[in-house]
Amino acid sequence: MCTSEYINFVCSQLRGVGDIIMKKQMSDDWCIYINGKPIILAFDNLSYVRMTPAIDDMMTSAWTGYPYDGAKEHYVLDIEHRDKAMKVVHALLAS
């Protein structure tokens, strides 16, 4: 379960990247869409992004995990470091 403070922080870190829409999931966690594309899964106050060749080089030191039971492995995005997070998000939007 994500806190509202965490979701607000994630969205503030993404400010300026595009149209941001947050959709609450049944588990009280969130999917964050940017320009209509699902980019971040926010579960348990962590931001997950899908593993894709477009960001593999940027995420070599990132933690990985499973945002929910049955999910594929994802990278954990360090949303606190805005510059790096924005580069990852831009790469995901372009892929």
PDB file of N, CA and C in Angstrom:
ATOM      1  N   MET A   1       0.835  -1.176   0.000  1.00  0.00           N
ATOM      2  CA  MET A   1       0.000   0.000   0.000  1.00  0.00           C
ATOM      3  C   MET A   1       0.885   1.247   0.000  1.00  0.00           C
ATOM      4  N   CYS A   2       0.603   2.157  -0.894  1.00  0.00           N
ATOM      5  CA  CYS A   2       1.346   3.417  -0.976  1.00  0.00           C
ATOM      6  C   CYS A   2       0.637   4.503  -0.185  1.00  0.00           C
ATOM      7  N   THR A   3       1.429   5.346   0.440  1.00  0.00           N
ATOM      8  CA  THR A   3       0.853   6.498   1.124  1.00  0.00           C
ATOM      9  C   THR A   3       0.574   7.599   0.103  1.00  0.00           C
ATOM     10  N   SER A   4      -0.365   8.458   0.434  1.00  0.00           N
ATOM     11  CA  SER A   4      -0.659   9.581  -0.462  1.00  0.00           C
ATOM     12  C   SER A   4       0.548  10.511  -0.563  1.00  0.00           C
ATOM     13  N   GLU A   5       1.324  10.614   0.511  1.00  0.00           N
ATOM     14  CA  GLU A   5       2.526  11.442   0.477  1.00  0.00           C
ATOM     15  C   GLU A   5       3.521  10.923  -0.549  1.00  0.00           C
ATOM     16  N   TYR A   6       3.670   9.597  -0.602  1.00  0.00           N
ATOM     17  CA  TYR A   6       4.604   9.011  -1.563  1.00  0.00           C
ATOM     18  C   TYR A   6       4.134   9.267  -3.000  1.00  0.00           C
ATOM     19  N   ILE A   7       2.870   9.029  -3.282  1.00  0.00           N
ATOM     20  CA  ILE A   7       2.344   9.244  -4.624  1.00  0.00           C
ATOM     21  C   ILE A   7       2.492  10.702  -5.035  1.00  0.00           C
ATOM     22  N   ASN A   8       2.209  11.621  -4.132  1.00  0.00           N
ATOM     23  CA  ASN A   8       2.374  13.048  -4.431  1.00  0.00           C
ATOM     24  C   ASN A   8       3.835  13.385  -4.706  1.00  0.00           C
ATOM     25  N   PHE A   9       4.749  12.767  -3.948  1.00  0.00           N
ATOM     26  CA  PHE A   9       6.179  13.001  -4.161  1.00  0.00           C
ATOM     27  C   PHE A   9       6.605  12.493  -5.540  1.00  0.00           C
ATOM     28  N   VAL A  10       6.186  11.282  -5.898  1.00  0.00           N
ATOM     29  CA  VAL A  10       6.533  10.719  -7.204  1.00  0.00           C
ATOM     30  C   VAL A  10       6.052  11.648  -8.314  1.00  0.00           C
ATOM     31  N   CYS A  11       4.828  12.071  -8.225  1.00  0.00           N
ATOM     32  CA  CYS A  11       4.272  12.954  -9.259  1.00  0.00           C
ATOM     33  C   CYS A  11       4.985  14.302  -9.300  1.00  0.00           C
ATOM     34  N   SER A  12       5.385  14.810  -8.150  1.00  0.00           N
ATOM     35  CA  SER A  12       6.123  16.083  -8.142  1.00  0.00           C
ATOM     36  C   SER A  12       7.500  15.905  -8.775  1.00  0.00           C
ATOM     37  N   GLN A  13       8.117  14.751  -8.580  1.00  0.00           N
ATOM     38  CA  GLN A  13       9.413  14.486  -9.197  1.00  0.00           C
ATOM     39  C   GLN A  13       9.298  14.371 -10.722  1.00  0.00           C
ATOM     40  N   LEU A  14       8.150  13.966 -11.198  1.00  0.00           N
ATOM     41  CA  LEU A  14       7.928  13.778 -12.636  1.00  0.00           C
ATOM     42  C   LEU A  14       7.385  15.026 -13.321  1.00  0.00           C
ATOM     43  N   ARG A  15       7.163  16.066 -12.564  1.00  0.00           N
ATOM     44  CA  ARG A  15       6.581  17.299 -13.107  1.00  0.00           C
ATOM     45  C   ARG A  15       7.366  17.771 -14.337  1.00  0.00           C
ATOM     46  N   GLY A  16       6.636  18.064 -15.408  1.00  0.00           N
ATOM     47  CA  GLY A  16       7.247  18.570 -16.622  1.00  0.00           C
ATOM     48  C   GLY A  16       7.534  17.517 -17.683  1.00  0.00           C
ATOM     49  N   VAL A  17       7.354  16.246 -17.350  1.00  0.00           N
ATOM     50  CA  VAL A  17       7.664  15.180 -18.311  1.00  0.00           C
ATOM     51  C   VAL A  17       6.523  14.942 -19.290  1.00  0.00           C
ATOM     52  N   GLY A  18       5.322  15.326 -18.920  1.00  0.00           N
ATOM     53  CA  GLY A  18       4.155  15.118 -19.774  1.00  0.00           C
ATOM     54  C   GLY A  18       2.895  15.086 -18.941  1.00  0.00           C
ATOM     55  N   ASP A  19       1.827  14.600 -19.553  1.00  0.00           N
ATOM     56  CA  ASP A  19       0.530  14.500 -18.883  1.00  0.00           C
ATOM     57  C   ASP A  19       0.545  13.297 -17.931  1.00  0.00           C
ATOM     58  N   ILE A  20       0.426  13.551 -16.646  1.00  0.00           N
ATOM     59  CA  ILE A  20       0.506  12.498 -15.631  1.00  0.00           C
ATOM     60  C   ILE A  20      -0.898  12.178 -15.118  1.00  0.00           C
ATOM     61  N   ILE A  21      -1.220  10.893 -15.161  1.00  0.00           N
ATOM     62  CA  ILE A  21      -2.484  10.414 -14.604  1.00  0.00           C
ATOM     63  C   ILE A  21      -2.171   9.273 -13.653  1.00  0.00           C
ATOM     64  N   MET A  22      -2.731   9.346 -12.451  1.00  0.00           N
ATOM     65  CA  MET A  22      -2.552   8.297 -11.451  1.00  0.00           C
ATOM     66  C   MET A  22      -3.834   7.495 -11.370  1.00  0.00           C
ATOM     67  N   LYS A  23      -3.707   6.185 -11.435  1.00  0.00           N
ATOM     68  CA  LYS A  23      -4.882   5.325 -11.297  1.00  0.00           C
ATOM     69  C   LYS A  23      -4.646   4.365 -10.141  1.00  0.00           C
ATOM     70  N   LYS A  24      -5.566   4.424  -9.187  1.00  0.00           N
ATOM     71  CA  LYS A  24      -5.473   3.551  -8.023  1.00  0.00           C
ATOM     72  C   LYS A  24      -5.869   2.136  -8.415  1.00  0.00           C
ATOM     73  N   GLN A  25      -5.082   1.183  -7.962  1.00  0.00           N
ATOM     74  CA  GLN A  25      -5.350  -0.224  -8.209  1.00  0.00           C
ATOM     75  C   GLN A  25      -6.184  -0.781  -7.056  1.00  0.00           C
ATOM     76  N   MET A  26      -6.726  -1.965  -7.230  1.00  0.00           N
ATOM     77  CA  MET A  26      -7.562  -2.558  -6.182  1.00  0.00           C
ATOM     78  C   MET A  26      -6.786  -2.812  -4.891  1.00  0.00           C
ATOM     79  N   SER A  27      -5.479  -2.933  -4.993  1.00  0.00           N
ATOM     80  CA  SER A  27      -4.661  -3.230  -3.816  1.00  0.00           C
ATOM     81  C   SER A  27      -4.245  -1.983  -3.050  1.00  0.00           C
ATOM     82  N   ASP A  28      -4.815  -0.840  -3.366  1.00  0.00           N
ATOM     83  CA  ASP A  28      -4.439   0.448  -2.775  1.00  0.00           C
ATOM     84  C   ASP A  28      -3.045   0.896  -3.197  1.00  0.00           C
ATOM     85  N   ASP A  29      -2.579   0.383  -4.291  1.00  0.00           N
ATOM     86  CA  ASP A  29      -1.350   0.855  -4.891  1.00  0.00           C
ATOM     87  C   ASP A  29      -1.720   1.536  -6.202  1.00  0.00           C
ATOM     88  N   TRP A  30      -0.723   1.989  -6.960  1.00  0.00           N
ATOM     89  CA  TRP A  30      -1.010   2.892  -8.068  1.00  0.00           C
ATOM     90  C   TRP A  30      -0.263   2.523  -9.345  1.00  0.00           C
ATOM     91  N   CYS A  31      -0.863   2.889 -10.462  1.00  0.00           N
ATOM     92  CA  CYS A  31      -0.192   2.870 -11.757  1.00  0.00           C
ATOM     93  C   CYS A  31      -0.147   4.325 -12.218  1.00  0.00           C
ATOM     94  N   ILE A  32       1.031   4.769 -12.602  1.00  0.00           N
ATOM     95  CA  ILE A  32       1.194   6.143 -13.051  1.00  0.00           C
ATOM     96  C   ILE A  32       1.418   6.126 -14.559  1.00  0.00           C
ATOM     97  N   TYR A  33       0.508   6.797 -15.252  1.00  0.00           N
ATOM     98  CA  TYR A  33       0.550   6.901 -16.700  1.00  0.00           C
ATOM     99  C   TYR A  33       1.129   8.267 -17.065  1.00  0.00           C
ATOM    100  N   ILE A  34       1.987   8.261 -18.078  1.00  0.00           N
ATOM    101  CA  ILE A  34       2.513   9.514 -18.597  1.00  0.00           C
ATOM    102  C   ILE A  34       2.203   9.538 -20.090  1.00  0.00           C
ATOM    103  N   ASN A  35       1.511  10.571 -20.505  1.00  0.00           N
ATOM    104  CA  ASN A  35       1.058  10.697 -21.899  1.00  0.00           C
ATOM    105  C   ASN A  35       0.299   9.446 -22.343  1.00  0.00           C
ATOM    106  N   GLY A  36      -0.493   8.912 -21.430  1.00  0.00           N
ATOM    107  CA  GLY A  36      -1.332   7.761 -21.735  1.00  0.00           C
ATOM    108  C   GLY A  36      -0.640   6.410 -21.671  1.00  0.00           C
ATOM    109  N   LYS A  37       0.642   6.380 -21.361  1.00  0.00           N
ATOM    110  CA  LYS A  37       1.425   5.145 -21.334  1.00  0.00           C
ATOM    111  C   LYS A  37       1.719   4.759 -19.883  1.00  0.00           C
ATOM    112  N   PRO A  38       1.455   3.503 -19.479  1.00  0.00           N
ATOM    113  CA  PRO A  38       1.777   3.104 -18.104  1.00  0.00           C
ATOM    114  C   PRO A  38       3.290   3.045 -17.930  1.00  0.00           C
ATOM    115  N   ILE A  39       3.820   3.849 -17.030  1.00  0.00           N
ATOM    116  CA  ILE A  39       5.269   3.958 -16.867  1.00  0.00           C
ATOM    117  C   ILE A  39       5.735   3.443 -15.508  1.00  0.00           C
ATOM    118  N   ILE A  40       5.018   3.799 -14.449  1.00  0.00           N
ATOM    119  CA  ILE A  40       5.460   3.440 -13.094  1.00  0.00           C
ATOM    120  C   ILE A  40       4.357   2.691 -12.377  1.00  0.00           C
ATOM    121  N   LEU A  41       4.735   1.589 -11.745  1.00  0.00           N
ATOM    122  CA  LEU A  41       3.862   0.907 -10.796  1.00  0.00           C
ATOM    123  C   LEU A  41       4.367   1.280  -9.416  1.00  0.00           C
ATOM    124  N   ALA A  42       3.525   1.871  -8.619  1.00  0.00           N
ATOM    125  CA  ALA A  42       3.902   2.279  -7.267  1.00  0.00           C
ATOM    126  C   ALA A  42       3.237   1.336  -6.267  1.00  0.00           C
ATOM    127  N   PHE A  43       4.056   0.515  -5.630  1.00  0.00           N
ATOM    128  CA  PHE A  43       3.586  -0.477  -4.660  1.00  0.00           C
ATOM    129  C   PHE A  43       4.460  -0.382  -3.426  1.00  0.00           C
ATOM    130  N   ASP A  44       3.835  -0.360  -2.274  1.00  0.00           N
ATOM    131  CA  ASP A  44       4.553  -0.329  -0.998  1.00  0.00           C
ATOM    132  C   ASP A  44       5.605   0.781  -0.938  1.00  0.00           C
ATOM    133  N   ASN A  45       5.239   1.946  -1.451  1.00  0.00           N
ATOM    134  CA  ASN A  45       6.109   3.124  -1.453  1.00  0.00           C
ATOM    135  C   ASN A  45       7.425   2.895  -2.192  1.00  0.00           C
ATOM    136  N   LEU A  46       7.371   2.096  -3.237  1.00  0.00           N
ATOM    137  CA  LEU A  46       8.482   1.918  -4.173  1.00  0.00           C
ATOM    138  C   LEU A  46       7.944   2.143  -5.576  1.00  0.00           C
ATOM    139  N   SER A  47       8.803   2.653  -6.450  1.00  0.00           N
ATOM    140  CA  SER A  47       8.432   2.900  -7.844  1.00  0.00           C
ATOM    141  C   SER A  47       9.106   1.855  -8.724  1.00  0.00           C
ATOM    142  N   TYR A  48       8.297   1.083  -9.410  1.00  0.00           N
ATOM    143  CA  TYR A  48       8.802   0.023 -10.278  1.00  0.00           C
ATOM    144  C   TYR A  48       8.614   0.423 -11.737  1.00  0.00           C
ATOM    145  N   VAL A  49       9.619   0.102 -12.560  1.00  0.00           N
ATOM    146  CA  VAL A  49       9.511   0.286 -14.004  1.00  0.00           C
ATOM    147  C   VAL A  49       9.883  -1.024 -14.670  1.00  0.00           C
ATOM    148  N   ARG A  50       9.276  -1.266 -15.821  1.00  0.00           N
ATOM    149  CA  ARG A  50       9.511  -2.544 -16.490  1.00  0.00           C
ATOM    150  C   ARG A  50      10.945  -2.630 -16.989  1.00  0.00           C
ATOM    151  N   MET A  51      11.436  -3.854 -17.023  1.00  0.00           N
ATOM    152  CA  MET A  51      12.779  -4.100 -17.543  1.00  0.00           C
ATOM    153  C   MET A  51      12.694  -4.109 -19.070  1.00  0.00           C
ATOM    154  N   THR A  52      13.473  -3.246 -19.677  1.00  0.00           N
ATOM    155  CA  THR A  52      13.482  -3.137 -21.128  1.00  0.00           C
ATOM    156  C   THR A  52      14.880  -2.716 -21.588  1.00  0.00           C
ATOM    157  N   PRO A  53      15.299  -3.154 -22.765  1.00  0.00           N
ATOM    158  CA  PRO A  53      16.630  -2.766 -23.253  1.00  0.00           C
ATOM    159  C   PRO A  53      16.834  -1.248 -23.313  1.00  0.00           C
ATOM    160  N   ALA A  54      15.770  -0.487 -23.449  1.00  0.00           N
ATOM    161  CA  ALA A  54      15.888   0.973 -23.545  1.00  0.00           C
ATOM    162  C   ALA A  54      16.492   1.595 -22.293  1.00  0.00           C
ATOM    163  N   ILE A  55      16.370   0.931 -21.151  1.00  0.00           N
ATOM    164  CA  ILE A  55      16.893   1.512 -19.910  1.00  0.00           C
ATOM    165  C   ILE A  55      17.912   0.617 -19.207  1.00  0.00           C
ATOM    166  N   ASP A  56      18.217  -0.546 -19.762  1.00  0.00           N
ATOM    167  CA  ASP A  56      19.134  -1.481 -19.090  1.00  0.00           C
ATOM    168  C   ASP A  56      20.450  -0.824 -18.692  1.00  0.00           C
ATOM    169  N   ASP A  57      21.046  -0.032 -19.580  1.00  0.00           N
ATOM    170  CA  ASP A  57      22.331   0.610 -19.276  1.00  0.00           C
ATOM    171  C   ASP A  57      22.226   1.606 -18.125  1.00  0.00           C
ATOM    172  N   MET A  58      21.078   2.260 -17.991  1.00  0.00           N
ATOM    173  CA  MET A  58      20.883   3.251 -16.929  1.00  0.00           C
ATOM    174  C   MET A  58      20.568   2.598 -15.582  1.00  0.00           C
ATOM    175  N   MET A  59      20.158   1.345 -15.599  1.00  0.00           N
ATOM    176  CA  MET A  59      19.665   0.699 -14.386  1.00  0.00           C
ATOM    177  C   MET A  59      20.580  -0.427 -13.896  1.00  0.00           C
ATOM    178  N   THR A  60      21.854  -0.406 -14.296  1.00  0.00           N
ATOM    179  CA  THR A  60      22.764  -1.503 -13.939  1.00  0.00           C
ATOM    180  C   THR A  60      22.938  -1.673 -12.437  1.00  0.00           C
ATOM    181  N   SER A  61      22.840  -0.605 -11.676  1.00  0.00           N
ATOM    182  CA  SER A  61      23.017  -0.716 -10.226  1.00  0.00           C
ATOM    183  C   SER A  61      21.680  -0.669  -9.465  1.00  0.00           C
ATOM    184  N   ALA A  62      20.584  -0.697 -10.195  1.00  0.00           N
ATOM    185  CA  ALA A  62      19.263  -0.602  -9.552  1.00  0.00           C
ATOM    186  C   ALA A  62      18.874  -1.918  -8.890  1.00  0.00           C
ATOM    187  N   TRP A  63      18.106  -1.790  -7.833  1.00  0.00           N
ATOM    188  CA  TRP A  63      17.486  -2.968  -7.240  1.00  0.00           C
ATOM    189  C   TRP A  63      16.431  -3.475  -8.206  1.00  0.00           C
ATOM    190  N   THR A  64      16.071  -4.718  -8.020  1.00  0.00           N
ATOM    191  CA  THR A  64      14.964  -5.277  -8.791  1.00  0.00           C
ATOM    192  C   THR A  64      13.985  -5.910  -7.816  1.00  0.00           C
ATOM    193  N   GLY A  65      12.786  -6.124  -8.282  1.00  0.00           N
ATOM    194  CA  GLY A  65      11.778  -6.734  -7.421  1.00  0.00           C
ATOM    195  C   GLY A  65      10.505  -6.991  -8.195  1.00  0.00           C
ATOM    196  N   TYR A  66       9.535  -7.509  -7.487  1.00  0.00           N
ATOM    197  CA  TYR A  66       8.236  -7.851  -8.059  1.00  0.00           C
ATOM    198  C   TYR A  66       7.181  -6.982  -7.384  1.00  0.00           C
ATOM    199  N   PRO A  67       6.545  -6.098  -8.131  1.00  0.00           N
ATOM    200  CA  PRO A  67       5.601  -5.167  -7.509  1.00  0.00           C
ATOM    201  C   PRO A  67       4.376  -5.845  -6.892  1.00  0.00           C
ATOM    202  N   TYR A  68       4.004  -7.003  -7.392  1.00  0.00           N
ATOM    203  CA  TYR A  68       2.851  -7.725  -6.846  1.00  0.00           C
ATOM    204  C   TYR A  68       3.009  -9.193  -7.203  1.00  0.00           C
ATOM    205  N   ASP A  69       2.288 -10.051  -6.515  1.00  0.00           N
ATOM    206  CA  ASP A  69       2.344 -11.490  -6.784  1.00  0.00           C
ATOM    207  C   ASP A  69       1.966 -11.774  -8.224  1.00  0.00           C
ATOM    208  N   GLY A  70       2.791 -12.543  -8.895  1.00  0.00           N
ATOM    209  CA  GLY A  70       2.526 -12.913 -10.276  1.00  0.00           C
ATOM    210  C   GLY A  70       3.101 -11.955 -11.301  1.00  0.00           C
ATOM    211  N   ALA A  71       3.693 -10.847 -10.854  1.00  0.00           N
ATOM    212  CA  ALA A  71       4.279  -9.867 -11.779  1.00  0.00           C
ATOM    213  C   ALA A  71       5.632 -10.353 -12.268  1.00  0.00           C
ATOM    214  N   LYS A  72       6.038  -9.835 -13.426  1.00  0.00           N
ATOM    215  CA  LYS A  72       7.395 -10.046 -13.902  1.00  0.00           C
ATOM    216  C   LYS A  72       8.327  -9.182 -13.066  1.00  0.00           C
ATOM    217  N   GLU A  73       9.596  -9.543 -13.070  1.00  0.00           N
ATOM    218  CA  GLU A  73      10.587  -8.749 -12.352  1.00  0.00           C
ATOM    219  C   GLU A  73      10.701  -7.362 -12.982  1.00  0.00           C
ATOM    220  N   HIS A  74      10.799  -6.344 -12.142  1.00  0.00           N
ATOM    221  CA  HIS A  74      10.899  -4.944 -12.564  1.00  0.00           C
ATOM    222  C   HIS A  74      12.137  -4.318 -11.926  1.00  0.00           C
ATOM    223  N   TYR A  75      12.582  -3.214 -12.503  1.00  0.00           N
ATOM    224  CA  TYR A  75      13.576  -2.378 -11.840  1.00  0.00           C
ATOM    225  C   TYR A  75      12.866  -1.519 -10.797  1.00  0.00           C
ATOM    226  N   VAL A  76      13.571  -1.222  -9.707  1.00  0.00           N
ATOM    227  CA  VAL A  76      13.082  -0.251  -8.732  1.00  0.00           C
ATOM    228  C   VAL A  76      13.724   1.090  -9.091  1.00  0.00           C
ATOM    229  N   LEU A  77      12.898   2.048  -9.438  1.00  0.00           N
ATOM    230  CA  LEU A  77      13.366   3.371  -9.856  1.00  0.00           C
ATOM    231  C   LEU A  77      13.657   4.230  -8.631  1.00  0.00           C
ATOM    232  N   ASP A  78      14.849   4.786  -8.588  1.00  0.00           N
ATOM    233  CA  ASP A  78      15.232   5.683  -7.491  1.00  0.00           C
ATOM    234  C   ASP A  78      14.636   7.055  -7.785  1.00  0.00           C
ATOM    235  N   ILE A  79      13.401   7.236  -7.395  1.00  0.00           N
ATOM    236  CA  ILE A  79      12.650   8.447  -7.715  1.00  0.00           C
ATOM    237  C   ILE A  79      13.182   9.670  -6.976  1.00  0.00           C
ATOM    238  N   GLU A  80      13.949   9.458  -5.908  1.00  0.00           N
ATOM    239  CA  GLU A  80      14.490  10.588  -5.154  1.00  0.00           C
ATOM    240  C   GLU A  80      15.549  11.354  -5.943  1.00  0.00           C
ATOM    241  N   HIS A  81      16.220  10.698  -6.868  1.00  0.00           N
ATOM    242  CA  HIS A  81      17.217  11.352  -7.710  1.00  0.00           C
ATOM    243  C   HIS A  81      16.543  11.728  -9.031  1.00  0.00           C
ATOM    244  N   ARG A  82      15.970  12.922  -9.024  1.00  0.00           N
ATOM    245  CA  ARG A  82      15.093  13.373 -10.104  1.00  0.00           C
ATOM    246  C   ARG A  82      15.746  13.328 -11.478  1.00  0.00           C
ATOM    247  N   ASP A  83      16.988  13.797 -11.603  1.00  0.00           N
ATOM    248  CA  ASP A  83      17.630  13.855 -12.915  1.00  0.00           C
ATOM    249  C   ASP A  83      17.726  12.469 -13.542  1.00  0.00           C
ATOM    250  N   LYS A  84      18.180  11.498 -12.772  1.00  0.00           N
ATOM    251  CA  LYS A  84      18.301  10.139 -13.291  1.00  0.00           C
ATOM    252  C   LYS A  84      16.912   9.542 -13.566  1.00  0.00           C
ATOM    253  N   ALA A  85      15.982   9.762 -12.659  1.00  0.00           N
ATOM    254  CA  ALA A  85      14.628   9.224 -12.847  1.00  0.00           C
ATOM    255  C   ALA A  85      14.001   9.785 -14.120  1.00  0.00           C
ATOM    256  N   MET A  86      14.208  11.065 -14.379  1.00  0.00           N
ATOM    257  CA  MET A  86      13.645  11.676 -15.583  1.00  0.00           C
ATOM    258  C   MET A  86      14.267  11.088 -16.846  1.00  0.00           C
ATOM    259  N   LYS A  87      15.561  10.787 -16.833  1.00  0.00           N
ATOM    260  CA  LYS A  87      16.200  10.163 -17.991  1.00  0.00           C
ATOM    261  C   LYS A  87      15.584   8.790 -18.260  1.00  0.00           C
ATOM    262  N   VAL A  88      15.356   8.036 -17.196  1.00  0.00           N
ATOM    263  CA  VAL A  88      14.750   6.715 -17.334  1.00  0.00           C
ATOM    264  C   VAL A  88      13.334   6.845 -17.895  1.00  0.00           C
ATOM    265  N   VAL A  89      12.563   7.759 -17.359  1.00  0.00           N
ATOM    266  CA  VAL A  89      11.179   7.946 -17.810  1.00  0.00           C
ATOM    267  C   VAL A  89      11.155   8.384 -19.283  1.00  0.00           C
ATOM    268  N   HIS A  90      12.025   9.306 -19.668  1.00  0.00           N
ATOM    269  CA  HIS A  90      12.073   9.737 -21.068  1.00  0.00           C
ATOM    270  C   HIS A  90      12.411   8.565 -21.983  1.00  0.00           C
ATOM    271  N   ALA A  91      13.348   7.711 -21.560  1.00  0.00           N
ATOM    272  CA  ALA A  91      13.712   6.545 -22.369  1.00  0.00           C
ATOM    273  C   ALA A  91      12.544   5.580 -22.494  1.00  0.00           C
ATOM    274  N   LEU A  92      11.798   5.394 -21.406  1.00  0.00           N
ATOM    275  CA  LEU A  92      10.634   4.516 -21.450  1.00  0.00           C
ATOM    276  C   LEU A  92       9.537   5.086 -22.348  1.00  0.00           C
ATOM    277  N   LEU A  93       9.355   6.384 -22.304  1.00  0.00           N
ATOM    278  CA  LEU A  93       8.348   7.012 -23.163  1.00  0.00           C
ATOM    279  C   LEU A  93       8.710   6.866 -24.644  1.00  0.00           C
ATOM    280  N   ALA A  94       9.996   6.886 -24.939  1.00  0.00           N
ATOM    281  CA  ALA A  94      10.455   6.785 -26.326  1.00  0.00           C
ATOM    282  C   ALA A  94      10.472   5.347 -26.838  1.00  0.00           C
ATOM    283  N   SER A  95      10.405   4.368 -25.915  1.00  0.00           N
ATOM    284  CA  SER A  95      10.499   2.961 -26.352  1.00  0.00           C
ATOM    285  C   SER A  95       9.151   2.387 -26.734  1.00  0.00           C
TER     286      SER A  95
END
